């Protein structure tokens, strides 16, 4: 149980840091908090609500991992290295893919609710 408490404390420290210093995470957390009441209003089922809010949480998850990759790369070297650029670009691509997923889930749900 002690390890779980320590892991939770570490996670909250990371969340606090990201929420205070990372604009992308700040925007995505705002999006998440807005998505909860909007999803509750438009979701035709509990599963749809979970997909709508879960897709935004997935985006935040990928952003957190991307930020971790960038921090690790910057800790290794601030000089240009092709391998570091590739690692950072892959993290950015992962964020883009998750943004596309969020958009697809929300657009599909909105279309289904209002036009189908």
PDB file of N, CA and C in Angstrom:
ATOM      1  N   UNK A   1       0.821  -1.189   0.000  1.00  0.00           N
ATOM      2  CA  UNK A   1       0.000   0.000   0.000  1.00  0.00           C
ATOM      3  C   UNK A   1       0.872   1.262   0.000  1.00  0.00           C
ATOM      4  N   UNK A   2       1.977   1.208   0.711  1.00  0.00           N
ATOM      5  CA  UNK A   2       2.884   2.358   0.794  1.00  0.00           C
ATOM      6  C   UNK A   2       3.399   2.755  -0.593  1.00  0.00           C
ATOM      7  N   UNK A   3       3.720   1.765  -1.418  1.00  0.00           N
ATOM      8  CA  UNK A   3       4.209   2.053  -2.775  1.00  0.00           C
ATOM      9  C   UNK A   3       3.138   2.735  -3.613  1.00  0.00           C
ATOM     10  N   UNK A   4       1.876   2.342  -3.431  1.00  0.00           N
ATOM     11  CA  UNK A   4       0.790   2.991  -4.162  1.00  0.00           C
ATOM     12  C   UNK A   4       0.645   4.451  -3.762  1.00  0.00           C
ATOM     13  N   UNK A   5       0.792   4.712  -2.482  1.00  0.00           N
ATOM     14  CA  UNK A   5       0.706   6.092  -1.994  1.00  0.00           C
ATOM     15  C   UNK A   5       1.845   6.919  -2.579  1.00  0.00           C
ATOM     16  N   UNK A   6       3.055   6.368  -2.570  1.00  0.00           N
ATOM     17  CA  UNK A   6       4.195   7.089  -3.141  1.00  0.00           C
ATOM     18  C   UNK A   6       4.017   7.314  -4.640  1.00  0.00           C
ATOM     19  N   UNK A   7       3.511   6.319  -5.341  1.00  0.00           N
ATOM     20  CA  UNK A   7       3.266   6.471  -6.772  1.00  0.00           C
ATOM     21  C   UNK A   7       2.221   7.553  -7.033  1.00  0.00           C
ATOM     22  N   UNK A   8       1.192   7.590  -6.204  1.00  0.00           N
ATOM     23  CA  UNK A   8       0.165   8.622  -6.338  1.00  0.00           C
ATOM     24  C   UNK A   8       0.752  10.007  -6.096  1.00  0.00           C
ATOM     25  N   UNK A   9       1.590  10.143  -5.082  1.00  0.00           N
ATOM     26  CA  UNK A   9       2.227  11.428  -4.789  1.00  0.00           C
ATOM     27  C   UNK A   9       3.101  11.868  -5.962  1.00  0.00           C
ATOM     28  N   UNK A  10       3.879  10.947  -6.524  1.00  0.00           N
ATOM     29  CA  UNK A  10       4.709  11.264  -7.682  1.00  0.00           C
ATOM     30  C   UNK A  10       3.847  11.698  -8.868  1.00  0.00           C
ATOM     31  N   UNK A  11       2.746  11.004  -9.075  1.00  0.00           N
ATOM     32  CA  UNK A  11       1.845  11.337 -10.185  1.00  0.00           C
ATOM     33  C   UNK A  11       1.233  12.718 -10.005  1.00  0.00           C
ATOM     34  N   UNK A  12       0.843  13.037  -8.798  1.00  0.00           N
ATOM     35  CA  UNK A  12       0.254  14.360  -8.536  1.00  0.00           C
ATOM     36  C   UNK A  12       1.295  15.469  -8.689  1.00  0.00           C
ATOM     37  N   UNK A  13       2.549  15.179  -8.335  1.00  0.00           N
ATOM     38  CA  UNK A  13       3.618  16.150  -8.541  1.00  0.00           C
ATOM     39  C   UNK A  13       3.807  16.415 -10.033  1.00  0.00           C
ATOM     40  N   UNK A  14       3.765  15.362 -10.827  1.00  0.00           N
ATOM     41  CA  UNK A  14       3.886  15.524 -12.278  1.00  0.00           C
ATOM     42  C   UNK A  14       2.695  16.300 -12.840  1.00  0.00           C
ATOM     43  N   UNK A  15       1.488  15.969 -12.393  1.00  0.00           N
ATOM     44  CA  UNK A  15       0.301  16.674 -12.865  1.00  0.00           C
ATOM     45  C   UNK A  15       0.378  18.158 -12.514  1.00  0.00           C
ATOM     46  N   UNK A  16       0.796  18.455 -11.290  1.00  0.00           N
ATOM     47  CA  UNK A  16       0.933  19.850 -10.871  1.00  0.00           C
ATOM     48  C   UNK A  16       1.939  20.581 -11.752  1.00  0.00           C
ATOM     49  N   UNK A  17       3.078  19.950 -12.007  1.00  0.00           N
ATOM     50  CA  UNK A  17       4.095  20.579 -12.853  1.00  0.00           C
ATOM     51  C   UNK A  17       3.563  20.824 -14.266  1.00  0.00           C
ATOM     52  N   UNK A  18       2.942  19.821 -14.840  1.00  0.00           N
ATOM     53  CA  UNK A  18       2.422  19.956 -16.202  1.00  0.00           C
ATOM     54  C   UNK A  18       1.321  21.004 -16.274  1.00  0.00           C
ATOM     55  N   UNK A  19       0.443  21.007 -15.290  1.00  0.00           N
ATOM     56  CA  UNK A  19      -0.663  21.973 -15.286  1.00  0.00           C
ATOM     57  C   UNK A  19      -0.165  23.402 -15.109  1.00  0.00           C
ATOM     58  N   UNK A  20       0.973  23.567 -14.471  1.00  0.00           N
ATOM     59  CA  UNK A  20       1.507  24.908 -14.245  1.00  0.00           C
ATOM     60  C   UNK A  20       2.426  25.386 -15.368  1.00  0.00           C
ATOM     61  N   UNK A  21       3.080  24.447 -16.083  1.00  0.00           N
ATOM     62  CA  UNK A  21       4.145  24.843 -16.998  1.00  0.00           C
ATOM     63  C   UNK A  21       3.948  24.456 -18.456  1.00  0.00           C
ATOM     64  N   UNK A  22       3.035  23.585 -18.761  1.00  0.00           N
ATOM     65  CA  UNK A  22       2.877  23.107 -20.135  1.00  0.00           C
ATOM     66  C   UNK A  22       1.561  23.604 -20.723  1.00  0.00           C
ATOM     67  N   UNK A  23       1.664  24.506 -21.695  1.00  0.00           N
ATOM     68  CA  UNK A  23       0.463  25.101 -22.299  1.00  0.00           C
ATOM     69  C   UNK A  23      -0.446  24.037 -22.916  1.00  0.00           C
ATOM     70  N   UNK A  24       0.127  23.064 -23.597  1.00  0.00           N
ATOM     71  CA  UNK A  24      -0.698  22.037 -24.243  1.00  0.00           C
ATOM     72  C   UNK A  24      -1.497  21.259 -23.202  1.00  0.00           C
ATOM     73  N   UNK A  25      -0.865  20.909 -22.103  1.00  0.00           N
ATOM     74  CA  UNK A  25      -1.568  20.172 -21.052  1.00  0.00           C
ATOM     75  C   UNK A  25      -2.637  21.058 -20.418  1.00  0.00           C
ATOM     76  N   UNK A  26      -2.331  22.332 -20.218  1.00  0.00           N
ATOM     77  CA  UNK A  26      -3.326  23.256 -19.672  1.00  0.00           C
ATOM     78  C   UNK A  26      -4.560  23.305 -20.572  1.00  0.00           C
ATOM     79  N   UNK A  27      -4.340  23.406 -21.883  1.00  0.00           N
ATOM     80  CA  UNK A  27      -5.455  23.454 -22.826  1.00  0.00           C
ATOM     81  C   UNK A  27      -6.245  22.154 -22.809  1.00  0.00           C
ATOM     82  N   UNK A  28      -5.550  21.039 -22.759  1.00  0.00           N
ATOM     83  CA  UNK A  28      -6.218  19.748 -22.791  1.00  0.00           C
ATOM     84  C   UNK A  28      -6.972  19.465 -21.491  1.00  0.00           C
ATOM     85  N   UNK A  29      -6.434  19.903 -20.363  1.00  0.00           N
ATOM     86  CA  UNK A  29      -7.175  19.767 -19.102  1.00  0.00           C
ATOM     87  C   UNK A  29      -8.438  20.624 -19.140  1.00  0.00           C
ATOM     88  N   UNK A  30      -8.323  21.828 -19.685  1.00  0.00           N
ATOM     89  CA  UNK A  30      -9.513  22.671 -19.858  1.00  0.00           C
ATOM     90  C   UNK A  30     -10.535  22.002 -20.747  1.00  0.00           C
ATOM     91  N   UNK A  31     -10.064  21.424 -21.843  1.00  0.00           N
ATOM     92  CA  UNK A  31     -10.949  20.692 -22.752  1.00  0.00           C
ATOM     93  C   UNK A  31     -11.628  19.535 -22.025  1.00  0.00           C
ATOM     94  N   UNK A  32     -10.875  18.834 -21.188  1.00  0.00           N
ATOM     95  CA  UNK A  32     -11.450  17.706 -20.458  1.00  0.00           C
ATOM     96  C   UNK A  32     -12.562  18.160 -19.519  1.00  0.00           C
ATOM     97  N   UNK A  33     -12.302  19.226 -18.766  1.00  0.00           N
ATOM     98  CA  UNK A  33     -13.314  19.694 -17.815  1.00  0.00           C
ATOM     99  C   UNK A  33     -14.552  20.248 -18.525  1.00  0.00           C
ATOM    100  N   UNK A  34     -14.366  20.807 -19.700  1.00  0.00           N
ATOM    101  CA  UNK A  34     -15.517  21.249 -20.498  1.00  0.00           C
ATOM    102  C   UNK A  34     -16.244  20.040 -21.096  1.00  0.00           C
ATOM    103  N   UNK A  35     -15.472  19.016 -21.459  1.00  0.00           N
ATOM    104  CA  UNK A  35     -16.072  17.854 -22.120  1.00  0.00           C
ATOM    105  C   UNK A  35     -17.006  17.068 -21.205  1.00  0.00           C
ATOM    106  N   UNK A  36     -16.778  17.111 -19.905  1.00  0.00           N
ATOM    107  CA  UNK A  36     -17.605  16.316 -18.986  1.00  0.00           C
ATOM    108  C   UNK A  36     -19.075  16.733 -19.047  1.00  0.00           C
ATOM    109  N   UNK A  37     -19.424  18.008 -18.812  1.00  0.00           N
ATOM    110  CA  UNK A  37     -20.849  18.362 -18.885  1.00  0.00           C
ATOM    111  C   UNK A  37     -21.400  18.294 -20.309  1.00  0.00           C
ATOM    112  N   UNK A  38     -20.578  18.632 -21.297  1.00  0.00           N
ATOM    113  CA  UNK A  38     -21.058  18.567 -22.684  1.00  0.00           C
ATOM    114  C   UNK A  38     -21.356  17.119 -23.059  1.00  0.00           C
ATOM    115  N   UNK A  39     -20.453  16.216 -22.707  1.00  0.00           N
ATOM    116  CA  UNK A  39     -20.671  14.795 -23.001  1.00  0.00           C
ATOM    117  C   UNK A  39     -21.878  14.264 -22.248  1.00  0.00           C
ATOM    118  N   UNK A  40     -22.058  14.700 -21.016  1.00  0.00           N
ATOM    119  CA  UNK A  40     -23.223  14.256 -20.240  1.00  0.00           C
ATOM    120  C   UNK A  40     -24.520  14.706 -20.908  1.00  0.00           C
ATOM    121  N   UNK A  41     -24.481  15.861 -21.541  1.00  0.00           N
ATOM    122  CA  UNK A  41     -25.669  16.392 -22.196  1.00  0.00           C
ATOM    123  C   UNK A  41     -25.958  15.699 -23.532  1.00  0.00           C
ATOM    124  N   UNK A  42     -24.922  15.425 -24.324  1.00  0.00           N
ATOM    125  CA  UNK A  42     -25.165  14.907 -25.680  1.00  0.00           C
ATOM    126  C   UNK A  42     -25.055  13.399 -25.802  1.00  0.00           C
ATOM    127  N   UNK A  43     -24.404  12.737 -24.854  1.00  0.00           N
ATOM    128  CA  UNK A  43     -24.177  11.296 -24.989  1.00  0.00           C
ATOM    129  C   UNK A  43     -25.495  10.533 -24.911  1.00  0.00           C
ATOM    130  N   UNK A  44     -25.771   9.690 -25.903  1.00  0.00           N
ATOM    131  CA  UNK A  44     -27.007   8.919 -25.876  1.00  0.00           C
ATOM    132  C   UNK A  44     -26.960   7.723 -24.914  1.00  0.00           C
ATOM    133  N   UNK A  45     -25.767   7.397 -24.423  1.00  0.00           N
ATOM    134  CA  UNK A  45     -25.639   6.263 -23.504  1.00  0.00           C
ATOM    135  C   UNK A  45     -24.420   6.473 -22.610  1.00  0.00           C
ATOM    136  N   UNK A  46     -24.340   5.636 -21.607  1.00  0.00           N
ATOM    137  CA  UNK A  46     -23.180   5.685 -20.728  1.00  0.00           C
ATOM    138  C   UNK A  46     -21.898   5.361 -21.469  1.00  0.00           C
ATOM    139  N   UNK A  47     -21.980   4.416 -22.393  1.00  0.00           N
ATOM    140  CA  UNK A  47     -20.810   4.053 -23.181  1.00  0.00           C
ATOM    141  C   UNK A  47     -20.347   5.230 -24.038  1.00  0.00           C
ATOM    142  N   UNK A  48     -21.282   5.936 -24.634  1.00  0.00           N
ATOM    143  CA  UNK A  48     -20.924   7.106 -25.450  1.00  0.00           C
ATOM    144  C   UNK A  48     -20.258   8.164 -24.576  1.00  0.00           C
ATOM    145  N   UNK A  49     -20.780   8.367 -23.374  1.00  0.00           N
ATOM    146  CA  UNK A  49     -20.161   9.318 -22.441  1.00  0.00           C
ATOM    147  C   UNK A  49     -18.719   8.911 -22.142  1.00  0.00           C
ATOM    148  N   UNK A  50     -18.507   7.637 -21.881  1.00  0.00           N
ATOM    149  CA  UNK A  50     -17.153   7.155 -21.605  1.00  0.00           C
ATOM    150  C   UNK A  50     -16.231   7.328 -22.805  1.00  0.00           C
ATOM    151  N   UNK A  51     -16.748   7.084 -24.000  1.00  0.00           N
ATOM    152  CA  UNK A  51     -15.926   7.270 -25.197  1.00  0.00           C
ATOM    153  C   UNK A  51     -15.578   8.738 -25.417  1.00  0.00           C
ATOM    154  N   UNK A  52     -16.539   9.616 -25.214  1.00  0.00           N
ATOM    155  CA  UNK A  52     -16.292  11.048 -25.406  1.00  0.00           C
ATOM    156  C   UNK A  52     -15.255  11.563 -24.405  1.00  0.00           C
ATOM    157  N   UNK A  53     -15.482  11.318 -23.141  1.00  0.00           N
ATOM    158  CA  UNK A  53     -14.540  11.817 -22.129  1.00  0.00           C
ATOM    159  C   UNK A  53     -13.243  11.004 -22.135  1.00  0.00           C
ATOM    160  N   UNK A  54     -13.346   9.718 -22.387  1.00  0.00           N
ATOM    161  CA  UNK A  54     -12.151   8.870 -22.436  1.00  0.00           C
ATOM    162  C   UNK A  54     -11.217   9.234 -23.570  1.00  0.00           C
ATOM    163  N   UNK A  55     -11.770   9.663 -24.688  1.00  0.00           N
ATOM    164  CA  UNK A  55     -10.906  10.063 -25.797  1.00  0.00           C
ATOM    165  C   UNK A  55     -10.085  11.293 -25.424  1.00  0.00           C
ATOM    166  N   UNK A  56     -10.673  12.209 -24.673  1.00  0.00           N
ATOM    167  CA  UNK A  56      -9.933  13.394 -24.230  1.00  0.00           C
ATOM    168  C   UNK A  56      -8.882  12.992 -23.195  1.00  0.00           C
ATOM    169  N   UNK A  57      -9.233  12.083 -22.295  1.00  0.00           N
ATOM    170  CA  UNK A  57      -8.239  11.583 -21.339  1.00  0.00           C
ATOM    171  C   UNK A  57      -7.086  10.880 -22.055  1.00  0.00           C
ATOM    172  N   UNK A  58      -7.402  10.160 -23.122  1.00  0.00           N
ATOM    173  CA  UNK A  58      -6.365   9.506 -23.913  1.00  0.00           C
ATOM    174  C   UNK A  58      -5.433  10.553 -24.527  1.00  0.00           C
ATOM    175  N   UNK A  59      -5.991  11.645 -25.023  1.00  0.00           N
ATOM    176  CA  UNK A  59      -5.186  12.736 -25.553  1.00  0.00           C
ATOM    177  C   UNK A  59      -4.248  13.279 -24.478  1.00  0.00           C
ATOM    178  N   UNK A  60      -4.759  13.487 -23.278  1.00  0.00           N
ATOM    179  CA  UNK A  60      -3.921  13.974 -22.180  1.00  0.00           C
ATOM    180  C   UNK A  60      -2.821  12.965 -21.871  1.00  0.00           C
ATOM    181  N   UNK A  61      -3.161  11.690 -21.862  1.00  0.00           N
ATOM    182  CA  UNK A  61      -2.173  10.638 -21.624  1.00  0.00           C
ATOM    183  C   UNK A  61      -1.032  10.729 -22.636  1.00  0.00           C
ATOM    184  N   UNK A  62      -1.374  10.856 -23.897  1.00  0.00           N
ATOM    185  CA  UNK A  62      -0.346  10.924 -24.935  1.00  0.00           C
ATOM    186  C   UNK A  62       0.476  12.198 -24.788  1.00  0.00           C
ATOM    187  N   UNK A  63      -0.166  13.298 -24.442  1.00  0.00           N
ATOM    188  CA  UNK A  63       0.564  14.561 -24.226  1.00  0.00           C
ATOM    189  C   UNK A  63       1.546  14.428 -23.065  1.00  0.00           C
ATOM    190  N   UNK A  64       1.132  13.746 -21.994  1.00  0.00           N
ATOM    191  CA  UNK A  64       2.022  13.524 -20.852  1.00  0.00           C
ATOM    192  C   UNK A  64       3.238  12.707 -21.287  1.00  0.00           C
ATOM    193  N   UNK A  65       3.013  11.645 -22.034  1.00  0.00           N
ATOM    194  CA  UNK A  65       4.130  10.826 -22.516  1.00  0.00           C
ATOM    195  C   UNK A  65       5.040  11.626 -23.452  1.00  0.00           C
ATOM    196  N   UNK A  66       4.442  12.429 -24.331  1.00  0.00           N
ATOM    197  CA  UNK A  66       5.227  13.266 -25.230  1.00  0.00           C
ATOM    198  C   UNK A  66       6.089  14.246 -24.445  1.00  0.00           C
ATOM    199  N   UNK A  67       5.529  14.843 -23.415  1.00  0.00           N
ATOM    200  CA  UNK A  67       6.288  15.780 -22.592  1.00  0.00           C
ATOM    201  C   UNK A  67       7.435  15.057 -21.877  1.00  0.00           C
ATOM    202  N   UNK A  68       7.176  13.845 -21.427  1.00  0.00           N
ATOM    203  CA  UNK A  68       8.233  13.052 -20.801  1.00  0.00           C
ATOM    204  C   UNK A  68       9.354  12.741 -21.772  1.00  0.00           C
ATOM    205  N   UNK A  69       9.002  12.394 -23.003  1.00  0.00           N
ATOM    206  CA  UNK A  69      10.018  12.138 -24.031  1.00  0.00           C
ATOM    207  C   UNK A  69      10.844  13.398 -24.271  1.00  0.00           C
ATOM    208  N   UNK A  70      10.174  14.527 -24.407  1.00  0.00           N
ATOM    209  CA  UNK A  70      10.889  15.778 -24.650  1.00  0.00           C
ATOM    210  C   UNK A  70      11.803  16.136 -23.484  1.00  0.00           C
ATOM    211  N   UNK A  71      11.325  15.951 -22.257  1.00  0.00           N
ATOM    212  CA  UNK A  71      12.151  16.259 -21.088  1.00  0.00           C
ATOM    213  C   UNK A  71      13.375  15.348 -21.023  1.00  0.00           C
ATOM    214  N   UNK A  72      13.180  14.067 -21.315  1.00  0.00           N
ATOM    215  CA  UNK A  72      14.306  13.129 -21.296  1.00  0.00           C
ATOM    216  C   UNK A  72      15.321  13.487 -22.379  1.00  0.00           C
ATOM    217  N   UNK A  73      14.831  13.833 -23.556  1.00  0.00           N
ATOM    218  CA  UNK A  73      15.728  14.218 -24.650  1.00  0.00           C
ATOM    219  C   UNK A  73      16.502  15.481 -24.288  1.00  0.00           C
ATOM    220  N   UNK A  74      15.832  16.453 -23.699  1.00  0.00           N
ATOM    221  CA  UNK A  74      16.494  17.699 -23.311  1.00  0.00           C
ATOM    222  C   UNK A  74      17.503  17.466 -22.190  1.00  0.00           C
ATOM    223  N   UNK A  75      17.238  16.482 -21.336  1.00  0.00           N
ATOM    224  CA  UNK A  75      18.187  16.167 -20.266  1.00  0.00           C
ATOM    225  C   UNK A  75      19.455  15.529 -20.824  1.00  0.00           C
ATOM    226  N   UNK A  76      19.314  14.819 -21.933  1.00  0.00           N
ATOM    227  CA  UNK A  76      20.471  14.180 -22.558  1.00  0.00           C
ATOM    228  C   UNK A  76      21.336  15.225 -23.256  1.00  0.00           C
ATOM    229  N   UNK A  77      20.691  16.083 -24.044  1.00  0.00           N
ATOM    230  CA  UNK A  77      21.438  17.106 -24.776  1.00  0.00           C
ATOM    231  C   UNK A  77      20.492  18.149 -25.328  1.00  0.00           C
ATOM    232  N   UNK A  78      20.919  19.393 -25.251  1.00  0.00           N
ATOM    233  CA  UNK A  78      20.157  20.468 -25.881  1.00  0.00           C
ATOM    234  C   UNK A  78      20.684  20.760 -27.285  1.00  0.00           C
ATOM    235  N   UNK A  79      21.800  20.128 -27.634  1.00  0.00           N
ATOM    236  CA  UNK A  79      22.338  20.265 -28.990  1.00  0.00           C
ATOM    237  C   UNK A  79      21.486  19.463 -29.957  1.00  0.00           C
ATOM    238  N   UNK A  80      21.600  19.814 -31.236  1.00  0.00           N
ATOM    239  CA  UNK A  80      20.840  19.086 -32.244  1.00  0.00           C
ATOM    240  C   UNK A  80      21.441  17.704 -32.460  1.00  0.00           C
ATOM    241  N   UNK A  81      20.574  16.705 -32.384  1.00  0.00           N
ATOM    242  CA  UNK A  81      20.921  15.330 -32.737  1.00  0.00           C
ATOM    243  C   UNK A  81      19.759  14.789 -33.543  1.00  0.00           C
ATOM    244  N   UNK A  82      20.055  14.174 -34.644  1.00  0.00           N
ATOM    245  CA  UNK A  82      19.010  13.634 -35.518  1.00  0.00           C
ATOM    246  C   UNK A  82      18.118  12.644 -34.759  1.00  0.00           C
ATOM    247  N   UNK A  83      18.700  11.815 -33.929  1.00  0.00           N
ATOM    248  CA  UNK A  83      17.931  10.816 -33.184  1.00  0.00           C
ATOM    249  C   UNK A  83      16.973  11.473 -32.195  1.00  0.00           C
ATOM    250  N   UNK A  84      17.423  12.553 -31.560  1.00  0.00           N
ATOM    251  CA  UNK A  84      16.552  13.274 -30.626  1.00  0.00           C
ATOM    252  C   UNK A  84      15.410  13.938 -31.380  1.00  0.00           C
ATOM    253  N   UNK A  85      15.721  14.494 -32.547  1.00  0.00           N
ATOM    254  CA  UNK A  85      14.667  15.099 -33.357  1.00  0.00           C
ATOM    255  C   UNK A  85      13.617  14.052 -33.736  1.00  0.00           C
ATOM    256  N   UNK A  86      14.060  12.872 -34.112  1.00  0.00           N
ATOM    257  CA  UNK A  86      13.123  11.803 -34.480  1.00  0.00           C
ATOM    258  C   UNK A  86      12.263  11.422 -33.277  1.00  0.00           C
ATOM    259  N   UNK A  87      12.877  11.281 -32.102  1.00  0.00           N
ATOM    260  CA  UNK A  87      12.112  10.930 -30.897  1.00  0.00           C
ATOM    261  C   UNK A  87      11.055  11.985 -30.605  1.00  0.00           C
ATOM    262  N   UNK A  88      11.439  13.259 -30.678  1.00  0.00           N
ATOM    263  CA  UNK A  88      10.486  14.335 -30.411  1.00  0.00           C
ATOM    264  C   UNK A  88       9.402  14.388 -31.479  1.00  0.00           C
ATOM    265  N   UNK A  89       9.784  14.174 -32.733  1.00  0.00           N
ATOM    266  CA  UNK A  89       8.788  14.175 -33.811  1.00  0.00           C
ATOM    267  C   UNK A  89       7.804  13.014 -33.664  1.00  0.00           C
ATOM    268  N   UNK A  90       8.289  11.859 -33.211  1.00  0.00           N
ATOM    269  CA  UNK A  90       7.394  10.716 -32.985  1.00  0.00           C
ATOM    270  C   UNK A  90       6.404  11.016 -31.861  1.00  0.00           C
ATOM    271  N   UNK A  91       6.870  11.674 -30.815  1.00  0.00           N
ATOM    272  CA  UNK A  91       5.964  12.085 -29.743  1.00  0.00           C
ATOM    273  C   UNK A  91       4.910  13.051 -30.247  1.00  0.00           C
ATOM    274  N   UNK A  92       5.337  13.976 -31.082  1.00  0.00           N
ATOM    275  CA  UNK A  92       4.400  14.937 -31.668  1.00  0.00           C
ATOM    276  C   UNK A  92       3.378  14.233 -32.560  1.00  0.00           C
ATOM    277  N   UNK A  93       3.828  13.259 -33.327  1.00  0.00           N
ATOM    278  CA  UNK A  93       2.917  12.487 -34.172  1.00  0.00           C
ATOM    279  C   UNK A  93       1.896  11.738 -33.324  1.00  0.00           C
ATOM    280  N   UNK A  94       2.331  11.185 -32.204  1.00  0.00           N
ATOM    281  CA  UNK A  94       1.403  10.479 -31.313  1.00  0.00           C
ATOM    282  C   UNK A  94       0.317  11.425 -30.820  1.00  0.00           C
ATOM    283  N   UNK A  95       0.696  12.659 -30.488  1.00  0.00           N
ATOM    284  CA  UNK A  95      -0.297  13.650 -30.060  1.00  0.00           C
ATOM    285  C   UNK A  95      -1.255  13.943 -31.200  1.00  0.00           C
ATOM    286  N   UNK A  96      -0.736  14.121 -32.409  1.00  0.00           N
ATOM    287  CA  UNK A  96      -1.595  14.387 -33.563  1.00  0.00           C
ATOM    288  C   UNK A  96      -2.591  13.255 -33.792  1.00  0.00           C
ATOM    289  N   UNK A  97      -2.135  12.034 -33.707  1.00  0.00           N
ATOM    290  CA  UNK A  97      -3.022  10.883 -33.893  1.00  0.00           C
ATOM    291  C   UNK A  97      -4.120  10.885 -32.830  1.00  0.00           C
ATOM    292  N   UNK A  98      -3.770  11.219 -31.602  1.00  0.00           N
ATOM    293  CA  UNK A  98      -4.788  11.237 -30.547  1.00  0.00           C
ATOM    294  C   UNK A  98      -5.755  12.398 -30.730  1.00  0.00           C
ATOM    295  N   UNK A  99      -5.299  13.525 -31.263  1.00  0.00           N
ATOM    296  CA  UNK A  99      -6.209  14.637 -31.579  1.00  0.00           C
ATOM    297  C   UNK A  99      -7.202  14.199 -32.665  1.00  0.00           C
ATOM    298  N   UNK A 100      -6.722  13.486 -33.654  1.00  0.00           N
ATOM    299  CA  UNK A 100      -7.606  12.972 -34.715  1.00  0.00           C
ATOM    300  C   UNK A 100      -8.631  12.008 -34.121  1.00  0.00           C
ATOM    301  N   UNK A 101      -8.196  11.164 -33.196  1.00  0.00           N
ATOM    302  CA  UNK A 101      -9.117  10.236 -32.531  1.00  0.00           C
ATOM    303  C   UNK A 101     -10.194  10.991 -31.761  1.00  0.00           C
ATOM    304  N   UNK A 102      -9.801  12.011 -31.000  1.00  0.00           N
ATOM    305  CA  UNK A 102     -10.779  12.815 -30.253  1.00  0.00           C
ATOM    306  C   UNK A 102     -11.781  13.441 -31.218  1.00  0.00           C
ATOM    307  N   UNK A 103     -11.281  14.038 -32.278  1.00  0.00           N
ATOM    308  CA  UNK A 103     -12.166  14.686 -33.250  1.00  0.00           C
ATOM    309  C   UNK A 103     -13.125  13.674 -33.877  1.00  0.00           C
ATOM    310  N   UNK A 104     -12.633  12.499 -34.225  1.00  0.00           N
ATOM    311  CA  UNK A 104     -13.478  11.479 -34.844  1.00  0.00           C
ATOM    312  C   UNK A 104     -14.574  11.010 -33.886  1.00  0.00           C
ATOM    313  N   UNK A 105     -14.214  10.753 -32.633  1.00  0.00           N
ATOM    314  CA  UNK A 105     -15.206  10.290 -31.652  1.00  0.00           C
ATOM    315  C   UNK A 105     -16.272  11.355 -31.427  1.00  0.00           C
ATOM    316  N   UNK A 106     -15.847  12.588 -31.250  1.00  0.00           N
ATOM    317  CA  UNK A 106     -16.802  13.667 -30.985  1.00  0.00           C
ATOM    318  C   UNK A 106     -17.663  13.967 -32.210  1.00  0.00           C
ATOM    319  N   UNK A 107     -17.048  14.021 -33.393  1.00  0.00           N
ATOM    320  CA  UNK A 107     -17.840  14.300 -34.600  1.00  0.00           C
ATOM    321  C   UNK A 107     -18.833  13.181 -34.890  1.00  0.00           C
ATOM    322  N   UNK A 108     -18.404  11.935 -34.727  1.00  0.00           N
ATOM    323  CA  UNK A 108     -19.315  10.817 -34.940  1.00  0.00           C
ATOM    324  C   UNK A 108     -20.494  10.887 -33.977  1.00  0.00           C
ATOM    325  N   UNK A 109     -20.205  11.151 -32.708  1.00  0.00           N
ATOM    326  CA  UNK A 109     -21.275  11.221 -31.712  1.00  0.00           C
ATOM    327  C   UNK A 109     -22.211  12.387 -31.991  1.00  0.00           C
ATOM    328  N   UNK A 110     -21.660  13.548 -32.274  1.00  0.00           N
ATOM    329  CA  UNK A 110     -22.492  14.707 -32.588  1.00  0.00           C
ATOM    330  C   UNK A 110     -23.360  14.441 -33.813  1.00  0.00           C
ATOM    331  N   UNK A 111     -22.771  13.848 -34.844  1.00  0.00           N
ATOM    332  CA  UNK A 111     -23.522  13.528 -36.051  1.00  0.00           C
ATOM    333  C   UNK A 111     -24.644  12.545 -35.736  1.00  0.00           C
ATOM    334  N   UNK A 112     -24.330  11.523 -34.963  1.00  0.00           N
ATOM    335  CA  UNK A 112     -25.330  10.514 -34.616  1.00  0.00           C
ATOM    336  C   UNK A 112     -26.485  11.092 -33.800  1.00  0.00           C
ATOM    337  N   UNK A 113     -26.176  12.003 -32.904  1.00  0.00           N
ATOM    338  CA  UNK A 113     -27.200  12.569 -32.025  1.00  0.00           C
ATOM    339  C   UNK A 113     -28.069  13.579 -32.757  1.00  0.00           C
ATOM    340  N   UNK A 114     -27.465  14.437 -33.568  1.00  0.00           N
ATOM    341  CA  UNK A 114     -28.202  15.541 -34.146  1.00  0.00           C
ATOM    342  C   UNK A 114     -28.674  15.348 -35.594  1.00  0.00           C
ATOM    343  N   UNK A 115     -28.058  14.409 -36.325  1.00  0.00           N
ATOM    344  CA  UNK A 115     -28.399  14.286 -37.747  1.00  0.00           C
ATOM    345  C   UNK A 115     -28.823  12.882 -38.160  1.00  0.00           C
ATOM    346  N   UNK A 116     -28.762  11.928 -37.275  1.00  0.00           N
ATOM    347  CA  UNK A 116     -29.135  10.556 -37.674  1.00  0.00           C
ATOM    348  C   UNK A 116     -30.514  10.189 -37.145  1.00  0.00           C
TER     349      UNK A 116
END
